[in-house]
Amino acid sequence: MKHQRDELTYQGLLAALRADIRHGHFPPGARLKVAELTKRYNTSAMPVRQALVELQSQGMVSIPANRGASVRIVDGELLNNLCDLRKAVLGLLVRRFVERATAAEIDQLERCEDAMDHAEDLDEWGIANDLFFEQIDDVAGNPEASDALNRTWPLLMPMARHFGPRDLGAISRGHRALIAAIRRGNADEAVAVAQAAVEATRDHFMFRLEAEKAAEDAASD
């Protein structure tokens, strides 16, 4: 579906392209051809090139010298780096959320989880999941730390589309445990729960990366 012209200020184009990468319209490794993107988003070549450069700075797009742009592929090394970063920064944000959150703000976090549990598809679930962590970010009040996560963690979204997400029931149980720890005011427990979820995500995708590579190696023998 083409995007309407009146939506496409430069920021609108950037948001639309970023969302399409996150939602799997462009899978890992997909070529991002300027001519095709100008047609898709009803815009001209210059803002498309600028958006690709911006997404390269955010880590979502790869633009090697003398080659076209493509969606960045997450390998094992990058996966480990992203998970290490998320554990460190999310731990900081969760701790500040515990220290600052009112009962009403914790209730809002629980409503986000309720929305995830009742989502009818992965897109709807993803929106509610984003709102869950945006609530933590907003209350924690460290926009620089939040920005570090929001620029890097979405790199895993195309991978989740490719391999399938981690078990949603397990994610829900982890979120509920996190909320329970927050309600008790136990920052150490809340941080441990949040970081354990990151480790589970690492294990999930590392297993699938290794299985895919093994299958490719077997097919080439």
N, C-alpha and C. Protein backbone atom coordinates (compact mmCIF):
# COMPACT_ATOMS: atom_id res chain seq x y z
N MET A 1 0.84 -1.19 0.00
CA MET A 1 0.00 0.00 0.00
C MET A 1 0.87 1.24 0.00
N LYS A 2 0.58 2.18 -0.88
CA LYS A 2 1.33 3.42 -0.92
C LYS A 2 0.85 4.34 0.19
N HIS A 3 1.77 5.16 0.68
CA HIS A 3 1.44 6.12 1.72
C HIS A 3 0.95 7.41 1.08
N GLN A 4 0.00 8.07 1.69
CA GLN A 4 -0.55 9.30 1.15
C GLN A 4 0.49 10.42 1.22
N ARG A 5 0.52 11.26 0.20
CA ARG A 5 1.50 12.32 0.12
C ARG A 5 1.42 13.26 1.31
N ASP A 6 0.22 13.58 1.78
CA ASP A 6 0.12 14.55 2.86
C ASP A 6 0.68 14.02 4.18
N GLU A 7 0.98 12.73 4.26
CA GLU A 7 1.61 12.18 5.46
C GLU A 7 3.12 12.34 5.42
N LEU A 8 3.65 12.60 4.22
CA LEU A 8 5.08 12.44 4.04
C LEU A 8 5.85 13.74 4.08
N THR A 9 5.84 14.38 5.23
CA THR A 9 6.94 15.26 5.56
C THR A 9 8.17 14.37 5.67
N TYR A 10 9.34 14.97 5.81
CA TYR A 10 10.54 14.13 5.94
C TYR A 10 10.42 13.23 7.15
N GLN A 11 9.96 13.78 8.28
CA GLN A 11 9.82 12.96 9.48
C GLN A 11 8.79 11.86 9.28
N GLY A 12 7.74 12.15 8.50
CA GLY A 12 6.75 11.13 8.21
C GLY A 12 7.33 10.01 7.36
N LEU A 13 8.15 10.37 6.38
CA LEU A 13 8.83 9.37 5.56
C LEU A 13 9.75 8.51 6.41
N LEU A 14 10.53 9.16 7.27
CA LEU A 14 11.46 8.43 8.12
C LEU A 14 10.70 7.46 9.02
N ALA A 15 9.60 7.92 9.61
CA ALA A 15 8.82 7.07 10.50
C ALA A 15 8.19 5.91 9.74
N ALA A 16 7.70 6.17 8.52
CA ALA A 16 7.05 5.12 7.73
C ALA A 16 8.06 4.05 7.31
N LEU A 17 9.24 4.48 6.88
CA LEU A 17 10.26 3.52 6.46
C LEU A 17 10.76 2.71 7.65
N ARG A 18 10.97 3.38 8.77
CA ARG A 18 11.41 2.69 9.98
C ARG A 18 10.36 1.66 10.41
N ALA A 19 9.08 2.06 10.36
CA ALA A 19 8.01 1.14 10.76
C ALA A 19 7.94 -0.06 9.82
N ASP A 20 8.12 0.17 8.52
CA ASP A 20 8.05 -0.94 7.56
C ASP A 20 9.19 -1.93 7.78
N ILE A 21 10.36 -1.43 8.18
CA ILE A 21 11.46 -2.34 8.50
C ILE A 21 11.14 -3.12 9.77
N ARG A 22 10.65 -2.43 10.78
CA ARG A 22 10.33 -3.10 12.05
C ARG A 22 9.25 -4.16 11.86
N HIS A 23 8.27 -3.86 11.02
CA HIS A 23 7.14 -4.77 10.86
C HIS A 23 7.37 -5.86 9.83
N GLY A 24 8.58 -5.90 9.27
CA GLY A 24 8.94 -7.01 8.41
C GLY A 24 8.59 -6.85 6.94
N HIS A 25 8.10 -5.67 6.54
CA HIS A 25 7.85 -5.50 5.10
C HIS A 25 9.16 -5.63 4.33
N PHE A 26 10.23 -5.12 4.92
CA PHE A 26 11.57 -5.30 4.37
C PHE A 26 12.33 -6.22 5.33
N PRO A 27 12.53 -7.47 5.00
CA PRO A 27 13.18 -8.41 5.92
C PRO A 27 14.68 -8.17 6.01
N PRO A 28 15.37 -8.80 6.97
CA PRO A 28 16.82 -8.65 7.08
C PRO A 28 17.52 -8.96 5.77
N GLY A 29 18.42 -8.05 5.37
CA GLY A 29 19.17 -8.23 4.14
C GLY A 29 18.48 -7.70 2.90
N ALA A 30 17.22 -7.29 2.99
CA ALA A 30 16.48 -6.81 1.82
C ALA A 30 17.11 -5.53 1.27
N ARG A 31 17.22 -5.46 -0.05
CA ARG A 31 17.72 -4.25 -0.70
C ARG A 31 16.69 -3.14 -0.58
N LEU A 32 17.16 -1.95 -0.32
CA LEU A 32 16.30 -0.77 -0.21
C LEU A 32 16.65 0.16 -1.37
N LYS A 33 15.97 -0.06 -2.50
CA LYS A 33 16.28 0.68 -3.73
C LYS A 33 15.54 2.01 -3.74
N VAL A 34 16.28 3.07 -4.00
CA VAL A 34 15.71 4.41 -3.93
C VAL A 34 14.53 4.55 -4.87
N ALA A 35 14.63 4.07 -6.10
CA ALA A 35 13.55 4.22 -7.07
C ALA A 35 12.27 3.54 -6.58
N GLU A 36 12.41 2.37 -5.98
CA GLU A 36 11.23 1.65 -5.48
C GLU A 36 10.63 2.36 -4.26
N LEU A 37 11.49 2.91 -3.42
CA LEU A 37 11.00 3.58 -2.22
C LEU A 37 10.29 4.89 -2.57
N THR A 38 10.77 5.58 -3.59
CA THR A 38 10.09 6.83 -3.97
C THR A 38 8.66 6.53 -4.44
N LYS A 39 8.47 5.41 -5.13
CA LYS A 39 7.12 5.04 -5.57
C LYS A 39 6.26 4.61 -4.38
N ARG A 40 6.83 3.83 -3.50
CA ARG A 40 6.07 3.33 -2.35
C ARG A 40 5.57 4.48 -1.48
N TYR A 41 6.43 5.48 -1.25
CA TYR A 41 6.09 6.54 -0.31
C TYR A 41 5.66 7.84 -1.00
N ASN A 42 5.52 7.79 -2.32
CA ASN A 42 5.04 8.96 -3.06
C ASN A 42 5.88 10.21 -2.76
N THR A 43 7.19 10.05 -2.88
CA THR A 43 8.08 11.17 -2.59
C THR A 43 9.21 11.17 -3.60
N SER A 44 10.18 12.06 -3.42
CA SER A 44 11.29 12.16 -4.36
C SER A 44 12.53 11.46 -3.81
N ALA A 45 13.55 11.39 -4.64
CA ALA A 45 14.73 10.60 -4.28
C ALA A 45 15.52 11.21 -3.12
N MET A 46 15.63 12.54 -3.07
CA MET A 46 16.48 13.16 -2.06
C MET A 46 16.06 12.82 -0.63
N PRO A 47 14.78 13.02 -0.26
CA PRO A 47 14.41 12.66 1.13
C PRO A 47 14.56 11.17 1.41
N VAL A 48 14.37 10.31 0.40
CA VAL A 48 14.57 8.88 0.61
C VAL A 48 16.03 8.60 0.95
N ARG A 49 16.95 9.22 0.19
CA ARG A 49 18.38 9.02 0.48
C ARG A 49 18.73 9.53 1.87
N GLN A 50 18.16 10.69 2.25
CA GLN A 50 18.42 11.23 3.57
C GLN A 50 17.90 10.30 4.66
N ALA A 51 16.70 9.73 4.43
CA ALA A 51 16.13 8.81 5.42
C ALA A 51 16.98 7.56 5.56
N LEU A 52 17.51 7.05 4.46
CA LEU A 52 18.37 5.86 4.52
C LEU A 52 19.64 6.14 5.31
N VAL A 53 20.21 7.33 5.10
CA VAL A 53 21.42 7.70 5.85
C VAL A 53 21.10 7.83 7.34
N GLU A 54 19.96 8.43 7.66
CA GLU A 54 19.55 8.55 9.06
C GLU A 54 19.36 7.17 9.69
N LEU A 55 18.71 6.26 8.96
CA LEU A 55 18.50 4.91 9.50
C LEU A 55 19.81 4.13 9.59
N GLN A 56 20.76 4.46 8.73
CA GLN A 56 22.10 3.87 8.88
C GLN A 56 22.72 4.34 10.20
N SER A 57 22.57 5.62 10.53
CA SER A 57 23.14 6.14 11.78
C SER A 57 22.48 5.50 12.99
N GLN A 58 21.22 5.04 12.84
CA GLN A 58 20.50 4.39 13.92
C GLN A 58 20.78 2.88 13.96
N GLY A 59 21.51 2.38 12.95
CA GLY A 59 21.88 0.98 12.95
C GLY A 59 20.92 0.04 12.25
N MET A 60 19.82 0.57 11.67
CA MET A 60 18.82 -0.30 11.07
C MET A 60 19.13 -0.63 9.61
N VAL A 61 19.95 0.21 8.98
CA VAL A 61 20.25 0.06 7.55
C VAL A 61 21.75 0.00 7.37
N SER A 62 22.18 -0.81 6.43
CA SER A 62 23.59 -0.91 6.07
C SER A 62 23.79 -0.31 4.68
N ILE A 63 24.79 0.57 4.55
CA ILE A 63 25.09 1.16 3.24
C ILE A 63 26.59 1.04 3.00
N PRO A 64 27.06 -0.13 2.54
CA PRO A 64 28.49 -0.30 2.27
C PRO A 64 28.95 0.63 1.15
N ALA A 65 30.24 0.94 1.12
CA ALA A 65 30.79 1.80 0.08
C ALA A 65 30.54 1.19 -1.30
N ASN A 66 30.04 2.04 -2.20
CA ASN A 66 29.81 1.67 -3.61
C ASN A 66 28.75 0.58 -3.77
N ARG A 67 27.90 0.43 -2.75
CA ARG A 67 26.81 -0.55 -2.85
C ARG A 67 25.53 0.09 -2.33
N GLY A 68 24.41 -0.49 -2.71
CA GLY A 68 23.13 0.06 -2.29
C GLY A 68 22.81 -0.26 -0.85
N ALA A 69 21.78 0.40 -0.35
CA ALA A 69 21.35 0.21 1.03
C ALA A 69 20.58 -1.10 1.17
N SER A 70 20.64 -1.67 2.37
CA SER A 70 19.87 -2.87 2.68
C SER A 70 19.55 -2.87 4.17
N VAL A 71 18.54 -3.65 4.54
CA VAL A 71 18.21 -3.80 5.95
C VAL A 71 19.34 -4.56 6.63
N ARG A 72 19.80 -4.02 7.74
CA ARG A 72 20.93 -4.63 8.43
C ARG A 72 20.58 -6.02 8.93
N ILE A 73 21.49 -6.95 8.77
CA ILE A 73 21.32 -8.31 9.25
C ILE A 73 21.95 -8.42 10.64
N VAL A 74 21.20 -8.97 11.57
CA VAL A 74 21.71 -9.16 12.93
C VAL A 74 22.37 -10.54 13.01
N ASP A 75 23.68 -10.54 13.25
CA ASP A 75 24.39 -11.81 13.46
C ASP A 75 24.58 -12.04 14.95
N GLY A 76 25.27 -13.12 15.30
CA GLY A 76 25.43 -13.46 16.70
C GLY A 76 26.17 -12.39 17.49
N GLU A 77 27.19 -11.80 16.90
CA GLU A 77 27.96 -10.77 17.61
C GLU A 77 27.10 -9.55 17.89
N LEU A 78 26.35 -9.09 16.89
CA LEU A 78 25.49 -7.92 17.09
C LEU A 78 24.37 -8.24 18.08
N LEU A 79 23.82 -9.44 18.00
CA LEU A 79 22.78 -9.84 18.95
C LEU A 79 23.31 -9.75 20.38
N ASN A 80 24.50 -10.27 20.62
CA ASN A 80 25.08 -10.21 21.96
C ASN A 80 25.31 -8.76 22.41
N ASN A 81 25.79 -7.93 21.49
CA ASN A 81 26.02 -6.53 21.84
C ASN A 81 24.72 -5.82 22.21
N LEU A 82 23.67 -6.06 21.42
CA LEU A 82 22.39 -5.42 21.69
C LEU A 82 21.81 -5.88 23.03
N CYS A 83 21.94 -7.16 23.32
CA CYS A 83 21.40 -7.67 24.58
C CYS A 83 22.20 -7.15 25.77
N ASP A 84 23.52 -7.06 25.63
CA ASP A 84 24.33 -6.51 26.71
C ASP A 84 23.94 -5.06 26.99
N LEU A 85 23.75 -4.28 25.93
CA LEU A 85 23.34 -2.89 26.09
C LEU A 85 21.97 -2.79 26.74
N ARG A 86 21.04 -3.61 26.29
CA ARG A 86 19.69 -3.54 26.84
C ARG A 86 19.67 -3.92 28.32
N LYS A 87 20.42 -4.93 28.68
CA LYS A 87 20.45 -5.32 30.09
C LYS A 87 20.93 -4.16 30.96
N ALA A 88 21.98 -3.50 30.52
CA ALA A 88 22.55 -2.41 31.32
C ALA A 88 21.60 -1.22 31.41
N VAL A 89 21.08 -0.78 30.26
CA VAL A 89 20.26 0.43 30.24
C VAL A 89 18.88 0.17 30.81
N LEU A 90 18.29 -0.99 30.48
CA LEU A 90 16.97 -1.30 31.01
C LEU A 90 17.03 -1.43 32.53
N GLY A 91 18.12 -1.98 33.05
CA GLY A 91 18.27 -2.07 34.49
C GLY A 91 18.21 -0.70 35.14
N LEU A 92 18.88 0.27 34.53
CA LEU A 92 18.86 1.64 35.05
C LEU A 92 17.44 2.22 35.01
N LEU A 93 16.76 2.04 33.88
CA LEU A 93 15.42 2.62 33.72
C LEU A 93 14.40 1.97 34.64
N VAL A 94 14.48 0.66 34.78
CA VAL A 94 13.53 -0.03 35.67
C VAL A 94 13.74 0.41 37.11
N ARG A 95 14.99 0.55 37.53
CA ARG A 95 15.26 0.98 38.90
C ARG A 95 14.68 2.38 39.15
N ARG A 96 14.84 3.27 38.19
CA ARG A 96 14.29 4.61 38.37
C ARG A 96 12.77 4.59 38.33
N PHE A 97 12.19 3.70 37.53
CA PHE A 97 10.74 3.58 37.51
C PHE A 97 10.23 3.16 38.89
N VAL A 98 10.87 2.18 39.50
CA VAL A 98 10.46 1.73 40.84
C VAL A 98 10.54 2.88 41.83
N GLU A 99 11.57 3.69 41.72
CA GLU A 99 11.77 4.79 42.67
C GLU A 99 10.74 5.91 42.47
N ARG A 100 10.25 6.08 41.24
CA ARG A 100 9.44 7.26 40.93
C ARG A 100 7.96 6.98 40.69
N ALA A 101 7.61 5.77 40.31
CA ALA A 101 6.25 5.51 39.82
C ALA A 101 5.20 5.65 40.91
N THR A 102 4.10 6.30 40.56
CA THR A 102 2.93 6.34 41.44
C THR A 102 2.10 5.08 41.21
N ALA A 103 1.13 4.85 42.07
CA ALA A 103 0.24 3.70 41.90
C ALA A 103 -0.49 3.78 40.57
N ALA A 104 -0.90 4.99 40.19
CA ALA A 104 -1.61 5.16 38.92
C ALA A 104 -0.71 4.82 37.74
N GLU A 105 0.56 5.18 37.82
CA GLU A 105 1.50 4.88 36.73
C GLU A 105 1.79 3.39 36.64
N ILE A 106 1.81 2.72 37.77
CA ILE A 106 1.97 1.26 37.74
C ILE A 106 0.71 0.61 37.18
N ASP A 107 -0.45 1.15 37.52
CA ASP A 107 -1.70 0.64 36.96
C ASP A 107 -1.70 0.76 35.43
N GLN A 108 -1.16 1.87 34.93
CA GLN A 108 -1.09 2.06 33.47
C GLN A 108 -0.18 1.02 32.84
N LEU A 109 0.91 0.68 33.52
CA LEU A 109 1.80 -0.36 33.02
C LEU A 109 1.05 -1.69 32.93
N GLU A 110 0.23 -1.97 33.93
CA GLU A 110 -0.54 -3.22 33.91
C GLU A 110 -1.58 -3.21 32.80
N ARG A 111 -2.16 -2.06 32.51
CA ARG A 111 -3.12 -1.99 31.40
C ARG A 111 -2.45 -2.27 30.06
N CYS A 112 -1.21 -1.83 29.92
CA CYS A 112 -0.47 -2.14 28.70
C CYS A 112 -0.28 -3.64 28.56
N GLU A 113 0.04 -4.31 29.68
CA GLU A 113 0.19 -5.76 29.63
C GLU A 113 -1.13 -6.44 29.34
N ASP A 114 -2.22 -5.93 29.89
CA ASP A 114 -3.55 -6.48 29.59
C ASP A 114 -3.82 -6.40 28.08
N ALA A 115 -3.43 -5.27 27.47
CA ALA A 115 -3.64 -5.10 26.03
C ALA A 115 -2.82 -6.10 25.25
N MET A 116 -1.61 -6.39 25.70
CA MET A 116 -0.78 -7.41 25.04
C MET A 116 -1.45 -8.78 25.12
N ASP A 117 -1.97 -9.10 26.29
CA ASP A 117 -2.58 -10.42 26.48
C ASP A 117 -3.83 -10.60 25.64
N HIS A 118 -4.49 -9.51 25.26
CA HIS A 118 -5.72 -9.59 24.47
C HIS A 118 -5.50 -9.23 23.00
N ALA A 119 -4.25 -9.03 22.61
CA ALA A 119 -3.97 -8.67 21.21
C ALA A 119 -4.37 -9.81 20.27
N GLU A 120 -4.90 -9.43 19.12
CA GLU A 120 -5.38 -10.42 18.15
C GLU A 120 -4.32 -10.83 17.14
N ASP A 121 -3.25 -10.05 17.02
CA ASP A 121 -2.18 -10.42 16.10
C ASP A 121 -0.88 -9.81 16.59
N LEU A 122 0.21 -10.15 15.91
CA LEU A 122 1.53 -9.72 16.37
C LEU A 122 1.70 -8.21 16.27
N ASP A 123 1.11 -7.59 15.25
CA ASP A 123 1.22 -6.14 15.14
C ASP A 123 0.56 -5.45 16.33
N GLU A 124 -0.63 -5.88 16.69
CA GLU A 124 -1.34 -5.29 17.82
C GLU A 124 -0.56 -5.55 19.12
N TRP A 125 -0.01 -6.75 19.25
CA TRP A 125 0.80 -7.07 20.41
C TRP A 125 2.02 -6.16 20.48
N GLY A 126 2.65 -5.94 19.34
CA GLY A 126 3.85 -5.11 19.31
C GLY A 126 3.58 -3.68 19.72
N ILE A 127 2.44 -3.14 19.31
CA ILE A 127 2.09 -1.78 19.71
C ILE A 127 1.93 -1.69 21.22
N ALA A 128 1.23 -2.66 21.82
CA ALA A 128 1.03 -2.66 23.26
C ALA A 128 2.36 -2.86 24.00
N ASN A 129 3.23 -3.69 23.44
CA ASN A 129 4.55 -3.91 24.05
C ASN A 129 5.37 -2.63 24.03
N ASP A 130 5.31 -1.91 22.92
CA ASP A 130 6.01 -0.62 22.84
C ASP A 130 5.48 0.34 23.91
N LEU A 131 4.16 0.38 24.08
CA LEU A 131 3.58 1.27 25.08
C LEU A 131 3.99 0.87 26.49
N PHE A 132 4.13 -0.42 26.73
CA PHE A 132 4.58 -0.90 28.05
C PHE A 132 5.94 -0.29 28.39
N PHE A 133 6.87 -0.39 27.45
CA PHE A 133 8.22 0.11 27.74
C PHE A 133 8.30 1.63 27.64
N GLU A 134 7.45 2.24 26.82
CA GLU A 134 7.39 3.70 26.80
C GLU A 134 6.94 4.25 28.15
N GLN A 135 6.03 3.53 28.82
CA GLN A 135 5.60 3.94 30.15
C GLN A 135 6.78 3.91 31.13
N ILE A 136 7.58 2.85 31.06
CA ILE A 136 8.77 2.79 31.91
C ILE A 136 9.73 3.93 31.58
N ASP A 137 9.95 4.17 30.28
CA ASP A 137 10.85 5.24 29.85
C ASP A 137 10.39 6.60 30.37
N ASP A 138 9.10 6.87 30.18
CA ASP A 138 8.57 8.20 30.52
C ASP A 138 8.70 8.48 32.01
N VAL A 139 8.33 7.50 32.83
CA VAL A 139 8.37 7.71 34.28
C VAL A 139 9.82 7.74 34.78
N ALA A 140 10.69 6.93 34.19
CA ALA A 140 12.09 6.90 34.61
C ALA A 140 12.75 8.25 34.39
N GLY A 141 12.36 8.93 33.31
CA GLY A 141 12.82 10.29 33.10
C GLY A 141 14.28 10.44 32.74
N ASN A 142 14.81 9.48 31.96
CA ASN A 142 16.18 9.61 31.46
C ASN A 142 16.11 9.45 29.94
N PRO A 143 15.79 10.53 29.21
CA PRO A 143 15.58 10.40 27.76
C PRO A 143 16.81 9.94 27.00
N GLU A 144 18.00 10.26 27.51
CA GLU A 144 19.21 9.81 26.81
C GLU A 144 19.35 8.29 26.88
N ALA A 145 19.07 7.73 28.05
CA ALA A 145 19.12 6.27 28.18
C ALA A 145 18.03 5.62 27.34
N SER A 146 16.84 6.19 27.37
CA SER A 146 15.73 5.64 26.57
C SER A 146 16.06 5.69 25.09
N ASP A 147 16.67 6.79 24.65
CA ASP A 147 17.02 6.93 23.24
C ASP A 147 18.03 5.87 22.82
N ALA A 148 18.98 5.55 23.71
CA ALA A 148 19.97 4.52 23.39
C ALA A 148 19.30 3.19 23.11
N LEU A 149 18.24 2.86 23.87
CA LEU A 149 17.51 1.62 23.63
C LEU A 149 16.66 1.71 22.39
N ASN A 150 15.95 2.81 22.23
CA ASN A 150 14.98 2.91 21.14
C ASN A 150 15.64 3.02 19.78
N ARG A 151 16.91 3.32 19.75
CA ARG A 151 17.64 3.36 18.48
C ARG A 151 18.23 2.01 18.11
N THR A 152 18.37 1.12 19.08
CA THR A 152 19.09 -0.13 18.82
C THR A 152 18.22 -1.37 18.94
N TRP A 153 17.39 -1.45 19.96
CA TRP A 153 16.61 -2.67 20.18
C TRP A 153 15.69 -3.00 19.01
N PRO A 154 15.11 -2.00 18.30
CA PRO A 154 14.26 -2.34 17.16
C PRO A 154 14.97 -3.11 16.05
N LEU A 155 16.31 -3.18 16.10
CA LEU A 155 17.01 -4.01 15.12
C LEU A 155 16.58 -5.47 15.20
N LEU A 156 16.08 -5.88 16.36
CA LEU A 156 15.65 -7.27 16.51
C LEU A 156 14.27 -7.52 15.94
N MET A 157 13.51 -6.47 15.62
CA MET A 157 12.15 -6.68 15.15
C MET A 157 12.10 -7.45 13.82
N PRO A 158 12.92 -7.09 12.81
CA PRO A 158 12.90 -7.92 11.60
C PRO A 158 13.29 -9.37 11.88
N MET A 159 14.19 -9.57 12.83
CA MET A 159 14.58 -10.94 13.19
C MET A 159 13.40 -11.68 13.82
N ALA A 160 12.62 -10.96 14.64
CA ALA A 160 11.45 -11.59 15.24
C ALA A 160 10.43 -11.98 14.18
N ARG A 161 10.32 -11.16 13.13
CA ARG A 161 9.42 -11.51 12.02
C ARG A 161 9.95 -12.71 11.26
N HIS A 162 11.25 -12.79 11.14
CA HIS A 162 11.88 -13.87 10.36
C HIS A 162 11.80 -15.21 11.10
N PHE A 163 12.17 -15.21 12.37
CA PHE A 163 12.23 -16.45 13.14
C PHE A 163 10.97 -16.72 13.96
N GLY A 164 10.17 -15.69 14.20
CA GLY A 164 9.08 -15.79 15.15
C GLY A 164 9.53 -15.25 16.50
N PRO A 165 8.63 -14.64 17.25
CA PRO A 165 9.01 -14.05 18.54
C PRO A 165 9.22 -15.12 19.60
N ARG A 166 9.82 -14.69 20.68
CA ARG A 166 9.91 -15.55 21.86
C ARG A 166 8.50 -15.85 22.35
N ASP A 167 8.32 -16.96 23.06
CA ASP A 167 7.00 -17.38 23.52
C ASP A 167 6.28 -16.23 24.22
N LEU A 168 5.11 -15.83 23.67
CA LEU A 168 4.40 -14.68 24.19
C LEU A 168 3.87 -14.92 25.60
N GLY A 169 3.51 -16.16 25.90
CA GLY A 169 3.07 -16.49 27.25
C GLY A 169 4.17 -16.27 28.27
N ALA A 170 5.40 -16.66 27.92
CA ALA A 170 6.53 -16.45 28.81
C ALA A 170 6.82 -14.97 28.99
N ILE A 171 6.68 -14.21 27.91
CA ILE A 171 6.89 -12.76 28.01
C ILE A 171 5.85 -12.15 28.94
N SER A 172 4.60 -12.57 28.80
CA SER A 172 3.53 -12.05 29.67
C SER A 172 3.81 -12.36 31.13
N ARG A 173 4.23 -13.60 31.40
CA ARG A 173 4.52 -13.97 32.80
C ARG A 173 5.68 -13.13 33.35
N GLY A 174 6.65 -12.85 32.50
CA GLY A 174 7.76 -12.01 32.93
C GLY A 174 7.31 -10.59 33.23
N HIS A 175 6.45 -10.06 32.38
CA HIS A 175 5.93 -8.70 32.62
C HIS A 175 5.12 -8.64 33.90
N ARG A 176 4.31 -9.66 34.14
CA ARG A 176 3.50 -9.69 35.36
C ARG A 176 4.40 -9.78 36.60
N ALA A 177 5.47 -10.56 36.50
CA ALA A 177 6.41 -10.65 37.62
C ALA A 177 7.12 -9.32 37.84
N LEU A 178 7.43 -8.63 36.74
CA LEU A 178 8.05 -7.31 36.85
C LEU A 178 7.11 -6.33 37.55
N ILE A 179 5.85 -6.32 37.13
CA ILE A 179 4.87 -5.41 37.74
C ILE A 179 4.71 -5.73 39.23
N ALA A 180 4.66 -7.01 39.57
CA ALA A 180 4.51 -7.40 40.98
C ALA A 180 5.69 -6.90 41.81
N ALA A 181 6.91 -7.02 41.28
CA ALA A 181 8.09 -6.54 41.99
C ALA A 181 8.06 -5.03 42.15
N ILE A 182 7.59 -4.35 41.12
CA ILE A 182 7.49 -2.89 41.18
C ILE A 182 6.47 -2.48 42.25
N ARG A 183 5.35 -3.17 42.30
CA ARG A 183 4.32 -2.83 43.31
C ARG A 183 4.87 -3.03 44.73
N ARG A 184 5.76 -3.99 44.90
CA ARG A 184 6.36 -4.21 46.22
C ARG A 184 7.48 -3.21 46.52
N GLY A 185 7.84 -2.41 45.51
CA GLY A 185 8.93 -1.46 45.69
C GLY A 185 10.29 -2.11 45.74
N ASN A 186 10.40 -3.32 45.20
CA ASN A 186 11.66 -4.07 45.24
C ASN A 186 12.42 -3.85 43.93
N ALA A 187 13.29 -2.83 43.92
CA ALA A 187 14.00 -2.47 42.70
C ALA A 187 14.95 -3.57 42.25
N ASP A 188 15.65 -4.21 43.19
CA ASP A 188 16.60 -5.26 42.82
C ASP A 188 15.89 -6.41 42.12
N GLU A 189 14.74 -6.81 42.66
CA GLU A 189 13.99 -7.90 42.04
C GLU A 189 13.46 -7.49 40.68
N ALA A 190 12.96 -6.27 40.57
CA ALA A 190 12.43 -5.80 39.29
C ALA A 190 13.52 -5.77 38.22
N VAL A 191 14.70 -5.29 38.57
CA VAL A 191 15.81 -5.26 37.61
C VAL A 191 16.20 -6.69 37.22
N ALA A 192 16.25 -7.60 38.18
CA ALA A 192 16.61 -8.99 37.87
C ALA A 192 15.61 -9.63 36.92
N VAL A 193 14.32 -9.37 37.12
CA VAL A 193 13.28 -9.92 36.24
C VAL A 193 13.43 -9.35 34.83
N ALA A 194 13.64 -8.05 34.73
CA ALA A 194 13.78 -7.41 33.42
C ALA A 194 15.01 -7.94 32.68
N GLN A 195 16.11 -8.09 33.40
CA GLN A 195 17.33 -8.57 32.75
C GLN A 195 17.25 -10.05 32.38
N ALA A 196 16.52 -10.84 33.17
CA ALA A 196 16.33 -12.24 32.82
C ALA A 196 15.56 -12.38 31.51
N ALA A 197 14.62 -11.46 31.28
CA ALA A 197 13.86 -11.48 30.02
C ALA A 197 14.76 -11.19 28.83
N VAL A 198 15.71 -10.29 29.01
CA VAL A 198 16.67 -10.01 27.94
C VAL A 198 17.51 -11.25 27.65
N GLU A 199 17.94 -11.96 28.70
CA GLU A 199 18.72 -13.18 28.49
C GLU A 199 17.90 -14.25 27.76
N ALA A 200 16.61 -14.33 28.08
CA ALA A 200 15.76 -15.29 27.39
C ALA A 200 15.63 -14.94 25.91
N THR A 201 15.56 -13.65 25.62
CA THR A 201 15.51 -13.20 24.23
C THR A 201 16.81 -13.54 23.51
N ARG A 202 17.92 -13.30 24.18
CA ARG A 202 19.23 -13.66 23.59
C ARG A 202 19.27 -15.15 23.24
N ASP A 203 18.88 -16.00 24.19
CA ASP A 203 18.92 -17.45 23.98
C ASP A 203 18.01 -17.86 22.83
N HIS A 204 16.82 -17.24 22.77
CA HIS A 204 15.85 -17.58 21.73
C HIS A 204 16.43 -17.33 20.34
N PHE A 205 16.97 -16.13 20.14
CA PHE A 205 17.44 -15.79 18.80
C PHE A 205 18.79 -16.42 18.49
N MET A 206 19.64 -16.60 19.49
CA MET A 206 20.92 -17.24 19.21
C MET A 206 20.70 -18.69 18.77
N PHE A 207 19.78 -19.38 19.42
CA PHE A 207 19.47 -20.76 19.02
C PHE A 207 19.01 -20.80 17.57
N ARG A 208 18.17 -19.87 17.17
CA ARG A 208 17.63 -19.89 15.82
C ARG A 208 18.66 -19.45 14.78
N LEU A 209 19.52 -18.51 15.14
CA LEU A 209 20.61 -18.14 14.24
C LEU A 209 21.54 -19.33 13.99
N GLU A 210 21.88 -20.03 15.05
CA GLU A 210 22.79 -21.17 14.91
C GLU A 210 22.14 -22.31 14.15
N ALA A 211 20.83 -22.52 14.37
CA ALA A 211 20.13 -23.58 13.64
C ALA A 211 20.04 -23.25 12.15
N GLU A 212 19.79 -21.98 11.84
CA GLU A 212 19.71 -21.59 10.43
C GLU A 212 21.06 -21.74 9.75
N LYS A 213 22.13 -21.34 10.43
CA LYS A 213 23.47 -21.48 9.84
C LYS A 213 23.81 -22.95 9.63
N ALA A 214 23.46 -23.80 10.60
CA ALA A 214 23.74 -25.22 10.45
C ALA A 214 23.00 -25.81 9.26
N ALA A 215 21.74 -25.38 9.07
CA ALA A 215 20.96 -25.85 7.94
C ALA A 215 21.57 -25.39 6.62
N GLU A 216 22.03 -24.13 6.58
CA GLU A 216 22.66 -23.62 5.36
C GLU A 216 23.96 -24.36 5.06
N ASP A 217 24.74 -24.64 6.10
CA ASP A 217 26.01 -25.37 5.91
C ASP A 217 25.73 -26.81 5.40
N ALA A 218 24.69 -27.44 5.96
CA ALA A 218 24.35 -28.80 5.53
C ALA A 218 23.90 -28.80 4.08
N ALA A 219 23.14 -27.77 3.68
CA ALA A 219 22.63 -27.71 2.31
C ALA A 219 23.75 -27.48 1.30
N SER A 220 24.84 -26.84 1.75
CA SER A 220 25.94 -26.52 0.82
C SER A 220 26.93 -27.67 0.71
N ASP A 221 26.84 -28.67 1.58
CA ASP A 221 27.77 -29.82 1.53
C ASP A 221 27.46 -30.73 0.35
